[in-house]
Amino acid sequence: MILDSELIVNPDGSIFHLHLKPGQIANTVILVGDPKRVNVFESLFTEVEFKIANREYVSMTGKFNGRRITVVSTGVGIGNIDIVMNELDALVNIDFDSREIKTTKRKLHFIRIGTSGSLQKDIPVNSYVISEKSVGFDNLLYFYDDGAEVVNEEFRRLLRILVGGHTIFLNPYVVDASPKLLKMLKSKDTFTGITITAPGFYVPQGRELRLSKKLDDINNKLSDFEYHGYKITNYEMESSALYGLAKMLGHEAIAICLIIANRLNKEANQNYRDKVKELISYVLYKITADET
């Protein structure tokens, strides 16, 4: 039995952070960072069952093209992904009455829709990039006992060599996306590649304001990396935790991002919100194509 201190349930029977109850989660879960993006889905859905907000977590379940879909805003960073993934899994795979893990598990399909910065000159602003592999520049998965089982060890070793002598504080891990979801979202309108998940927005992504970075010329090193046809395409801040936790918990996961800045070409689109809506529509139609 899982103790009260480990699985915290609110007085109304909802889980601690998300304030969701068992039965409210669809098999397809779309994750977005910005809580305001949930409103975009609300405008596109034909039916909305509920909408619940707590802190940065805004959750909604509704229907699009006949498919029941849950949307959850996560806020920014891997710490929030750790909360969201564990709580969503608990809602479908733990019995809240007995506080025991269910014998029969539900498999969820997680799709992260986000924004990102390109690390390749030929991936322009406003492009869609699917993270075929995600590299964690954080240490989240190393806290989990099963973390080593989901890591792509070959790529992990290569990237550790790439970052050089600073591995005392940086030991990247690499996790693959769901092949099933990759096939579903991939098209002539998308790029695919390796995504770096950074633990911060500024120095961890090579941006210097008043503080200097320890890894010199890191962005050029990352953009030059290539192995078996794979290149490092972009930076973001969530997908490595999403991929790792999904695999350990037995779910499918993928991330697709709108490029709003090209770090090498020094270009950016500050008015990108309409493009985010276009990406949301692209994903919704792709994942519900078999329903029409």
C-alpha atoms as a PDB file:
ATOM      1  CA  MET A   1       0.000   0.000   0.000  1.00  0.00           C
ATOM      2  CA  ILE A   2       1.265   3.463  -0.958  1.00  0.00           C
ATOM      3  CA  LEU A   3       1.457   5.759   2.083  1.00  0.00           C
ATOM      4  CA  ASP A   4      -0.403   9.053   2.387  1.00  0.00           C
ATOM      5  CA  SER A   5       2.898  10.930   2.435  1.00  0.00           C
ATOM      6  CA  GLU A   6       3.920   9.425  -0.942  1.00  0.00           C
ATOM      7  CA  LEU A   7       0.636   9.715  -2.856  1.00  0.00           C
ATOM      8  CA  ILE A   8      -0.960  12.924  -1.597  1.00  0.00           C
ATOM      9  CA  VAL A   9      -4.694  13.158  -2.287  1.00  0.00           C
ATOM     10  CA  ASN A  10      -6.699  16.325  -1.687  1.00  0.00           C
ATOM     11  CA  PRO A  11      -9.863  16.250   0.489  1.00  0.00           C
ATOM     12  CA  ASP A  12     -12.034  16.205  -2.659  1.00  0.00           C
ATOM     13  CA  GLY A  13     -10.303  13.034  -3.926  1.00  0.00           C
ATOM     14  CA  SER A  14      -8.104  14.792  -6.484  1.00  0.00           C
ATOM     15  CA  ILE A  15      -4.350  14.361  -6.810  1.00  0.00           C
ATOM     16  CA  PHE A  16      -2.140  16.922  -5.048  1.00  0.00           C
ATOM     17  CA  HIS A  17      -0.809  19.297  -7.746  1.00  0.00           C
ATOM     18  CA  LEU A  18      -3.045  18.733 -10.769  1.00  0.00           C
ATOM     19  CA  HIS A  19      -6.333  18.599  -8.811  1.00  0.00           C
ATOM     20  CA  LEU A  20      -7.547  15.879 -11.207  1.00  0.00           C
ATOM     21  CA  LYS A  21      -9.508  12.772 -10.268  1.00  0.00           C
ATOM     22  CA  PRO A  22      -9.329   9.212 -11.622  1.00  0.00           C
ATOM     23  CA  GLY A  23     -11.499   8.821 -14.716  1.00  0.00           C
ATOM     24  CA  GLN A  24     -10.848  12.345 -15.992  1.00  0.00           C
ATOM     25  CA  ILE A  25      -7.808  11.434 -18.113  1.00  0.00           C
ATOM     26  CA  ALA A  26      -8.087  10.437 -21.775  1.00  0.00           C
ATOM     27  CA  ASN A  27      -5.629   7.965 -23.323  1.00  0.00           C
ATOM     28  CA  THR A  28      -4.181  10.794 -25.452  1.00  0.00           C
ATOM     29  CA  VAL A  29      -2.572  13.540 -23.352  1.00  0.00           C
ATOM     30  CA  ILE A  30      -1.151  16.705 -24.899  1.00  0.00           C
ATOM     31  CA  LEU A  31       1.309  18.670 -22.757  1.00  0.00           C
ATOM     32  CA  VAL A  32       1.977  22.376 -23.272  1.00  0.00           C
ATOM     33  CA  GLY A  33       4.136  24.732 -21.251  1.00  0.00           C
ATOM     34  CA  ASP A  34       2.101  27.937 -21.245  1.00  0.00           C
ATOM     35  CA  PRO A  35      -1.252  27.654 -19.400  1.00  0.00           C
ATOM     36  CA  LYS A  36      -2.775  30.098 -21.919  1.00  0.00           C
ATOM     37  CA  ARG A  37      -2.271  27.535 -24.696  1.00  0.00           C
ATOM     38  CA  VAL A  38      -4.984  25.382 -23.147  1.00  0.00           C
ATOM     39  CA  ASN A  39      -7.401  28.103 -24.280  1.00  0.00           C
ATOM     40  CA  VAL A  40      -6.366  27.450 -27.892  1.00  0.00           C
ATOM     41  CA  PHE A  41      -7.435  23.832 -27.563  1.00  0.00           C
ATOM     42  CA  GLU A  42     -10.680  24.920 -25.931  1.00  0.00           C
ATOM     43  CA  SER A  43     -11.464  27.047 -29.002  1.00  0.00           C
ATOM     44  CA  LEU A  44     -10.824  24.061 -31.294  1.00  0.00           C
ATOM     45  CA  PHE A  45     -12.581  21.294 -29.348  1.00  0.00           C
ATOM     46  CA  THR A  46     -16.180  20.398 -30.222  1.00  0.00           C
ATOM     47  CA  GLU A  47     -16.879  19.399 -26.630  1.00  0.00           C
ATOM     48  CA  VAL A  48     -15.253  20.193 -23.263  1.00  0.00           C
ATOM     49  CA  GLU A  49     -15.876  17.929 -20.261  1.00  0.00           C
ATOM     50  CA  PHE A  50     -14.089  20.066 -17.670  1.00  0.00           C
ATOM     51  CA  LYS A  51     -11.314  22.618 -17.137  1.00  0.00           C
ATOM     52  CA  ILE A  52      -9.370  22.731 -13.862  1.00  0.00           C
ATOM     53  CA  ALA A  53      -6.584  25.110 -12.840  1.00  0.00           C
ATOM     54  CA  ASN A  54      -4.098  25.001  -9.965  1.00  0.00           C
ATOM     55  CA  ARG A  55      -0.853  26.984 -10.004  1.00  0.00           C
ATOM     56  CA  GLU A  56       0.679  26.665 -13.490  1.00  0.00           C
ATOM     57  CA  TYR A  57      -1.209  23.419 -14.120  1.00  0.00           C
ATOM     58  CA  VAL A  58      -4.326  23.941 -16.242  1.00  0.00           C
ATOM     59  CA  SER A  59      -6.029  20.708 -17.318  1.00  0.00           C
ATOM     60  CA  MET A  60      -8.889  20.090 -19.713  1.00  0.00           C
ATOM     61  CA  THR A  61     -10.469  17.028 -21.315  1.00  0.00           C
ATOM     62  CA  GLY A  62     -12.608  17.345 -24.425  1.00  0.00           C
ATOM     63  CA  LYS A  63     -13.132  16.034 -27.931  1.00  0.00           C
ATOM     64  CA  PHE A  64     -11.675  16.832 -31.336  1.00  0.00           C
ATOM     65  CA  ASN A  65     -12.795  14.923 -34.453  1.00  0.00           C
ATOM     66  CA  GLY A  66     -14.491  12.446 -32.138  1.00  0.00           C
ATOM     67  CA  ARG A  67     -11.305  11.676 -30.177  1.00  0.00           C
ATOM     68  CA  ARG A  68     -11.258  12.225 -26.410  1.00  0.00           C
ATOM     69  CA  ILE A  69      -8.127  14.215 -25.552  1.00  0.00           C
ATOM     70  CA  THR A  70      -6.686  15.620 -22.328  1.00  0.00           C
ATOM     71  CA  VAL A  71      -4.565  18.785 -22.378  1.00  0.00           C
ATOM     72  CA  VAL A  72      -2.339  19.746 -19.435  1.00  0.00           C
ATOM     73  CA  SER A  73      -0.103  22.793 -19.072  1.00  0.00           C
ATOM     74  CA  THR A  74       3.131  21.948 -17.274  1.00  0.00           C
ATOM     75  CA  GLY A  75       4.848  25.276 -16.849  1.00  0.00           C
ATOM     76  CA  VAL A  76       8.582  25.337 -17.583  1.00  0.00           C
ATOM     77  CA  GLY A  77      11.287  22.798 -16.836  1.00  0.00           C
ATOM     78  CA  ILE A  78      11.943  19.174 -15.985  1.00  0.00           C
ATOM     79  CA  GLY A  79      10.876  19.512 -12.347  1.00  0.00           C
ATOM     80  CA  ASN A  80       7.325  20.216 -13.453  1.00  0.00           C
ATOM     81  CA  ILE A  81       7.439  17.326 -15.922  1.00  0.00           C
ATOM     82  CA  ASP A  82       8.409  15.035 -13.031  1.00  0.00           C
ATOM     83  CA  ILE A  83       5.281  16.146 -11.151  1.00  0.00           C
ATOM     84  CA  VAL A  84       2.915  15.961 -14.128  1.00  0.00           C
ATOM     85  CA  MET A  85       4.069  12.571 -15.412  1.00  0.00           C
ATOM     86  CA  ASN A  86       3.983  10.873 -12.004  1.00  0.00           C
ATOM     87  CA  GLU A  87       0.577  12.313 -11.124  1.00  0.00           C
ATOM     88  CA  LEU A  88      -1.029  11.504 -14.489  1.00  0.00           C
ATOM     89  CA  ASP A  89       0.274   7.943 -14.287  1.00  0.00           C
ATOM     90  CA  ALA A  90      -1.003   7.617 -10.720  1.00  0.00           C
ATOM     91  CA  LEU A  91      -4.465   8.742 -11.830  1.00  0.00           C
ATOM     92  CA  VAL A  92      -4.763   5.840 -14.272  1.00  0.00           C
ATOM     93  CA  ASN A  93      -2.596   3.121 -12.716  1.00  0.00           C
ATOM     94  CA  ILE A  94      -3.078   3.420  -8.934  1.00  0.00           C
ATOM     95  CA  ASP A  95      -6.331   2.628  -7.124  1.00  0.00           C
ATOM     96  CA  PHE A  96      -6.984   5.690  -4.951  1.00  0.00           C
ATOM     97  CA  ASP A  97      -9.250   3.731  -2.583  1.00  0.00           C
ATOM     98  CA  SER A  98      -6.907   0.823  -1.805  1.00  0.00           C
ATOM     99  CA  ARG A  99      -3.780   2.920  -2.547  1.00  0.00           C
ATOM    100  CA  GLU A 100      -2.342  -0.051  -4.436  1.00  0.00           C
ATOM    101  CA  ILE A 101      -0.912  -0.293  -7.956  1.00  0.00           C
ATOM    102  CA  LYS A 102      -3.440  -1.739 -10.385  1.00  0.00           C
ATOM    103  CA  THR A 103      -2.745  -5.153 -11.910  1.00  0.00           C
ATOM    104  CA  THR A 104      -3.849  -4.025 -15.387  1.00  0.00           C
ATOM    105  CA  LYS A 105      -2.055  -0.874 -16.534  1.00  0.00           C
ATOM    106  CA  ARG A 106      -3.283   1.834 -18.910  1.00  0.00           C
ATOM    107  CA  LYS A 107      -0.863   3.061 -21.567  1.00  0.00           C
ATOM    108  CA  LEU A 108      -1.087   6.789 -22.234  1.00  0.00           C
ATOM    109  CA  HIS A 109       0.098   8.610 -25.359  1.00  0.00           C
ATOM    110  CA  PHE A 110       1.903  11.831 -24.378  1.00  0.00           C
ATOM    111  CA  ILE A 111       2.515  14.530 -26.994  1.00  0.00           C
ATOM    112  CA  ARG A 112       4.368  17.659 -25.963  1.00  0.00           C
ATOM    113  CA  ILE A 113       3.751  20.760 -28.090  1.00  0.00           C
ATOM    114  CA  GLY A 114       6.274  23.486 -27.353  1.00  0.00           C
ATOM    115  CA  THR A 115       8.567  26.210 -28.609  1.00  0.00           C
ATOM    116  CA  SER A 116      12.256  25.862 -29.212  1.00  0.00           C
ATOM    117  CA  GLY A 117      15.510  27.314 -30.541  1.00  0.00           C
ATOM    118  CA  SER A 118      17.183  25.815 -33.616  1.00  0.00           C
ATOM    119  CA  LEU A 119      20.834  24.723 -33.582  1.00  0.00           C
ATOM    120  CA  GLN A 120      21.039  24.155 -37.346  1.00  0.00           C
ATOM    121  CA  LYS A 121      21.294  26.959 -39.902  1.00  0.00           C
ATOM    122  CA  ASP A 122      19.028  25.103 -42.338  1.00  0.00           C
ATOM    123  CA  ILE A 123      16.138  24.751 -39.819  1.00  0.00           C
ATOM    124  CA  PRO A 124      14.505  28.168 -40.070  1.00  0.00           C
ATOM    125  CA  VAL A 125      12.267  30.075 -37.708  1.00  0.00           C
ATOM    126  CA  ASN A 126       8.621  28.844 -37.827  1.00  0.00           C
ATOM    127  CA  SER A 127       9.674  25.257 -38.644  1.00  0.00           C
ATOM    128  CA  TYR A 128       8.294  22.208 -36.819  1.00  0.00           C
ATOM    129  CA  VAL A 129      10.917  19.941 -35.212  1.00  0.00           C
ATOM    130  CA  ILE A 130      10.113  16.490 -33.837  1.00  0.00           C
ATOM    131  CA  SER A 131      12.488  15.232 -31.146  1.00  0.00           C
ATOM    132  CA  GLU A 132      13.428  11.758 -32.372  1.00  0.00           C
ATOM    133  CA  LYS A 133      15.910  11.561 -29.504  1.00  0.00           C
ATOM    134  CA  SER A 134      16.084  13.798 -26.456  1.00  0.00           C
ATOM    135  CA  VAL A 135      19.277  14.559 -24.543  1.00  0.00           C
ATOM    136  CA  GLY A 136      18.961  15.472 -20.878  1.00  0.00           C
ATOM    137  CA  PHE A 137      21.487  18.054 -19.696  1.00  0.00           C
ATOM    138  CA  ASP A 138      19.871  17.584 -16.290  1.00  0.00           C
ATOM    139  CA  ASN A 139      20.245  14.720 -13.816  1.00  0.00           C
ATOM    140  CA  LEU A 140      16.594  13.748 -13.260  1.00  0.00           C
ATOM    141  CA  LEU A 141      16.706  10.201 -14.620  1.00  0.00           C
ATOM    142  CA  TYR A 142      19.720   9.327 -12.473  1.00  0.00           C
ATOM    143  CA  PHE A 143      17.502   9.554  -9.392  1.00  0.00           C
ATOM    144  CA  TYR A 144      15.301   6.728 -10.714  1.00  0.00           C
ATOM    145  CA  ASP A 145      16.355   3.111 -10.231  1.00  0.00           C
ATOM    146  CA  ASP A 146      15.159   2.096 -13.708  1.00  0.00           C
ATOM    147  CA  GLY A 147      16.692   5.079 -15.487  1.00  0.00           C
ATOM    148  CA  ALA A 148      19.587   3.179 -17.035  1.00  0.00           C
ATOM    149  CA  GLU A 149      17.178   0.776 -18.747  1.00  0.00           C
ATOM    150  CA  VAL A 150      15.642   3.478 -20.976  1.00  0.00           C
ATOM    151  CA  VAL A 151      18.799   5.422 -21.865  1.00  0.00           C
ATOM    152  CA  ASN A 152      20.384   5.121 -25.320  1.00  0.00           C
ATOM    153  CA  GLU A 153      23.858   4.271 -23.989  1.00  0.00           C
ATOM    154  CA  GLU A 154      25.726   4.659 -27.287  1.00  0.00           C
ATOM    155  CA  PHE A 155      24.548   8.246 -27.757  1.00  0.00           C
ATOM    156  CA  ARG A 156      25.090   9.011 -24.080  1.00  0.00           C
ATOM    157  CA  ARG A 157      28.779   8.066 -24.338  1.00  0.00           C
ATOM    158  CA  LEU A 158      29.293  10.116 -27.517  1.00  0.00           C
ATOM    159  CA  LEU A 159      27.736  13.236 -26.064  1.00  0.00           C
ATOM    160  CA  ARG A 160      29.707  12.906 -22.862  1.00  0.00           C
ATOM    161  CA  ILE A 161      32.878  12.947 -24.977  1.00  0.00           C
ATOM    162  CA  LEU A 162      31.551  15.963 -26.900  1.00  0.00           C
ATOM    163  CA  VAL A 163      31.123  18.142 -23.811  1.00  0.00           C
ATOM    164  CA  GLY A 164      34.692  17.348 -22.779  1.00  0.00           C
ATOM    165  CA  GLY A 165      36.274  17.687 -19.379  1.00  0.00           C
ATOM    166  CA  HIS A 166      33.252  19.176 -17.644  1.00  0.00           C
ATOM    167  CA  THR A 167      31.531  15.833 -17.162  1.00  0.00           C
ATOM    168  CA  ILE A 168      32.067  16.229 -13.423  1.00  0.00           C
ATOM    169  CA  PHE A 169      28.872  18.322 -13.511  1.00  0.00           C
ATOM    170  CA  LEU A 170      27.340  17.265 -16.837  1.00  0.00           C
ATOM    171  CA  ASN A 171      26.587  13.655 -17.735  1.00  0.00           C
ATOM    172  CA  PRO A 172      24.014  13.729 -20.552  1.00  0.00           C
ATOM    173  CA  TYR A 173      21.458  10.957 -20.950  1.00  0.00           C
ATOM    174  CA  VAL A 174      19.653  10.162 -24.206  1.00  0.00           C
ATOM    175  CA  VAL A 175      16.162   8.677 -24.592  1.00  0.00           C
ATOM    176  CA  ASP A 176      14.372   7.764 -27.831  1.00  0.00           C
ATOM    177  CA  ALA A 177      10.905   8.976 -28.798  1.00  0.00           C
ATOM    178  CA  SER A 178       7.989   6.620 -29.345  1.00  0.00           C
ATOM    179  CA  PRO A 179       8.331   5.149 -32.874  1.00  0.00           C
ATOM    180  CA  LYS A 180       4.548   4.892 -33.083  1.00  0.00           C
ATOM    181  CA  LEU A 181       3.971   8.577 -32.330  1.00  0.00           C
ATOM    182  CA  LEU A 182       6.919   9.603 -34.517  1.00  0.00           C
ATOM    183  CA  LYS A 183       5.313   7.880 -37.504  1.00  0.00           C
ATOM    184  CA  MET A 184       1.993   9.556 -36.700  1.00  0.00           C
ATOM    185  CA  LEU A 185       3.368  13.129 -36.588  1.00  0.00           C
ATOM    186  CA  LYS A 186       6.163  13.023 -39.159  1.00  0.00           C
ATOM    187  CA  SER A 187       5.524  14.571 -42.586  1.00  0.00           C
ATOM    188  CA  LYS A 188       7.109  16.691 -45.298  1.00  0.00           C
ATOM    189  CA  ASP A 189       6.332  19.691 -43.071  1.00  0.00           C
ATOM    190  CA  THR A 190       8.535  18.513 -40.184  1.00  0.00           C
ATOM    191  CA  PHE A 191      12.215  18.176 -39.336  1.00  0.00           C
ATOM    192  CA  THR A 192      13.444  15.405 -37.040  1.00  0.00           C
ATOM    193  CA  GLY A 193      16.592  15.161 -34.988  1.00  0.00           C
ATOM    194  CA  ILE A 194      18.157  15.235 -31.540  1.00  0.00           C
ATOM    195  CA  THR A 195      16.835  17.729 -29.015  1.00  0.00           C
ATOM    196  CA  ILE A 196      18.848  19.069 -26.083  1.00  0.00           C
ATOM    197  CA  THR A 197      16.797  19.507 -22.911  1.00  0.00           C
ATOM    198  CA  ALA A 198      18.533  22.197 -20.879  1.00  0.00           C
ATOM    199  CA  PRO A 199      18.000  22.714 -17.109  1.00  0.00           C
ATOM    200  CA  GLY A 200      17.786  26.481 -17.647  1.00  0.00           C
ATOM    201  CA  PHE A 201      17.135  29.154 -20.277  1.00  0.00           C
ATOM    202  CA  TYR A 202      20.222  31.343 -20.069  1.00  0.00           C
ATOM    203  CA  VAL A 203      23.746  29.978 -19.478  1.00  0.00           C
ATOM    204  CA  PRO A 204      22.621  26.310 -19.825  1.00  0.00           C
ATOM    205  CA  GLN A 205      21.609  27.210 -23.393  1.00  0.00           C
ATOM    206  CA  GLY A 206      24.708  29.310 -24.055  1.00  0.00           C
ATOM    207  CA  ARG A 207      23.125  32.713 -23.322  1.00  0.00           C
ATOM    208  CA  GLU A 208      25.270  35.133 -21.321  1.00  0.00           C
ATOM    209  CA  LEU A 209      23.933  38.236 -19.593  1.00  0.00           C
ATOM    210  CA  ARG A 210      26.009  39.083 -16.493  1.00  0.00           C
ATOM    211  CA  LEU A 211      27.175  35.516 -15.794  1.00  0.00           C
ATOM    212  CA  SER A 212      29.591  33.534 -17.954  1.00  0.00           C
ATOM    213  CA  LYS A 213      29.252  29.956 -19.163  1.00  0.00           C
ATOM    214  CA  LYS A 214      31.644  27.153 -18.280  1.00  0.00           C
ATOM    215  CA  LEU A 215      31.185  25.254 -21.559  1.00  0.00           C
ATOM    216  CA  ASP A 216      32.923  27.364 -24.201  1.00  0.00           C
ATOM    217  CA  ASP A 217      31.509  27.393 -27.742  1.00  0.00           C
ATOM    218  CA  ILE A 218      28.934  24.781 -26.712  1.00  0.00           C
ATOM    219  CA  ASN A 219      26.335  25.718 -29.341  1.00  0.00           C
ATOM    220  CA  ASN A 220      28.763  25.312 -32.235  1.00  0.00           C
ATOM    221  CA  LYS A 221      29.953  21.971 -30.837  1.00  0.00           C
ATOM    222  CA  LEU A 222      26.382  20.750 -30.579  1.00  0.00           C
ATOM    223  CA  SER A 223      25.416  21.916 -34.055  1.00  0.00           C
ATOM    224  CA  ASP A 224      28.498  20.203 -35.558  1.00  0.00           C
ATOM    225  CA  PHE A 225      27.728  16.853 -33.909  1.00  0.00           C
ATOM    226  CA  GLU A 226      26.599  14.098 -36.284  1.00  0.00           C
ATOM    227  CA  TYR A 227      26.407  10.333 -35.893  1.00  0.00           C
ATOM    228  CA  HIS A 228      24.616   7.793 -38.119  1.00  0.00           C
ATOM    229  CA  GLY A 229      22.856  10.688 -39.865  1.00  0.00           C
ATOM    230  CA  TYR A 230      21.561  12.214 -36.630  1.00  0.00           C
ATOM    231  CA  LYS A 231      22.150  15.892 -35.895  1.00  0.00           C
ATOM    232  CA  ILE A 232      21.352  17.996 -32.854  1.00  0.00           C
ATOM    233  CA  THR A 233      18.511  20.176 -34.055  1.00  0.00           C
ATOM    234  CA  ASN A 234      17.236  22.273 -31.166  1.00  0.00           C
ATOM    235  CA  TYR A 235      17.099  23.294 -27.518  1.00  0.00           C
ATOM    236  CA  GLU A 236      14.109  23.112 -25.179  1.00  0.00           C
ATOM    237  CA  MET A 237      13.536  22.377 -21.479  1.00  0.00           C
ATOM    238  CA  GLU A 238      11.204  19.393 -20.987  1.00  0.00           C
ATOM    239  CA  SER A 239      11.383  16.483 -23.431  1.00  0.00           C
ATOM    240  CA  SER A 240      14.184  14.382 -21.875  1.00  0.00           C
ATOM    241  CA  ALA A 241      12.240  14.003 -18.623  1.00  0.00           C
ATOM    242  CA  LEU A 242       9.052  13.320 -20.591  1.00  0.00           C
ATOM    243  CA  TYR A 243      10.689  10.573 -22.665  1.00  0.00           C
ATOM    244  CA  GLY A 244      12.504   8.944 -19.758  1.00  0.00           C
ATOM    245  CA  LEU A 245       9.564   8.861 -17.358  1.00  0.00           C
ATOM    246  CA  ALA A 246       7.156   7.708 -20.079  1.00  0.00           C
ATOM    247  CA  LYS A 247       9.380   4.768 -20.982  1.00  0.00           C
ATOM    248  CA  MET A 248       9.902   3.745 -17.366  1.00  0.00           C
ATOM    249  CA  LEU A 249       6.151   3.904 -16.709  1.00  0.00           C
ATOM    250  CA  GLY A 250       5.205   2.044 -19.893  1.00  0.00           C
ATOM    251  CA  HIS A 251       3.723   4.954 -21.865  1.00  0.00           C
ATOM    252  CA  GLU A 252       4.397   6.425 -25.331  1.00  0.00           C
ATOM    253  CA  ALA A 253       5.855   9.938 -25.652  1.00  0.00           C
ATOM    254  CA  ILE A 254       6.977  12.427 -28.267  1.00  0.00           C
ATOM    255  CA  ALA A 255       7.671  16.165 -28.491  1.00  0.00           C
ATOM    256  CA  ILE A 256       7.140  18.506 -31.419  1.00  0.00           C
ATOM    257  CA  CYS A 257       8.238  22.130 -31.207  1.00  0.00           C
ATOM    258  CA  LEU A 258       7.822  25.317 -33.171  1.00  0.00           C
ATOM    259  CA  ILE A 259      11.166  26.962 -33.854  1.00  0.00           C
ATOM    260  CA  ILE A 260      10.858  30.555 -32.646  1.00  0.00           C
ATOM    261  CA  ALA A 261      14.593  31.367 -32.780  1.00  0.00           C
ATOM    262  CA  ASN A 262      17.614  30.203 -34.751  1.00  0.00           C
ATOM    263  CA  ARG A 263      20.592  30.403 -32.403  1.00  0.00           C
ATOM    264  CA  LEU A 264      23.206  30.238 -35.184  1.00  0.00           C
ATOM    265  CA  ASN A 265      21.560  32.647 -37.627  1.00  0.00           C
ATOM    266  CA  LYS A 266      20.680  35.041 -34.768  1.00  0.00           C
ATOM    267  CA  GLU A 267      17.046  35.216 -35.937  1.00  0.00           C
ATOM    268  CA  ALA A 268      13.839  35.132 -33.904  1.00  0.00           C
ATOM    269  CA  ASN A 269      10.079  35.450 -34.264  1.00  0.00           C
ATOM    270  CA  GLN A 270       8.755  37.362 -31.271  1.00  0.00           C
ATOM    271  CA  ASN A 271       5.175  37.249 -32.607  1.00  0.00           C
ATOM    272  CA  TYR A 272       4.943  33.473 -32.752  1.00  0.00           C
ATOM    273  CA  ARG A 273       1.587  32.812 -31.086  1.00  0.00           C
ATOM    274  CA  ASP A 274      -0.383  32.420 -34.322  1.00  0.00           C
ATOM    275  CA  LYS A 275       2.233  29.906 -35.471  1.00  0.00           C
ATOM    276  CA  VAL A 276       1.771  27.953 -32.224  1.00  0.00           C
ATOM    277  CA  LYS A 277      -1.947  27.718 -32.977  1.00  0.00           C
ATOM    278  CA  GLU A 278      -1.120  26.373 -36.442  1.00  0.00           C
ATOM    279  CA  LEU A 279       1.124  23.726 -34.876  1.00  0.00           C
ATOM    280  CA  ILE A 280      -1.630  22.758 -32.427  1.00  0.00           C
ATOM    281  CA  SER A 281      -4.032  22.295 -35.341  1.00  0.00           C
ATOM    282  CA  TYR A 282      -1.420  20.266 -37.225  1.00  0.00           C
ATOM    283  CA  VAL A 283      -1.004  17.884 -34.283  1.00  0.00           C
ATOM    284  CA  LEU A 284      -4.725  17.542 -33.610  1.00  0.00           C
ATOM    285  CA  TYR A 285      -5.495  16.616 -37.211  1.00  0.00           C
ATOM    286  CA  LYS A 286      -2.559  14.200 -37.378  1.00  0.00           C
ATOM    287  CA  ILE A 287      -3.499  12.271 -34.245  1.00  0.00           C
ATOM    288  CA  THR A 288      -7.189  12.091 -35.135  1.00  0.00           C
ATOM    289  CA  ALA A 289      -6.770  11.247 -38.825  1.00  0.00           C
ATOM    290  CA  ASP A 290      -7.898   7.647 -38.232  1.00  0.00           C
ATOM    291  CA  GLU A 291     -11.108   8.907 -36.606  1.00  0.00           C
ATOM    292  CA  THR A 292     -12.420  10.556 -39.789  1.00  0.00           C
END
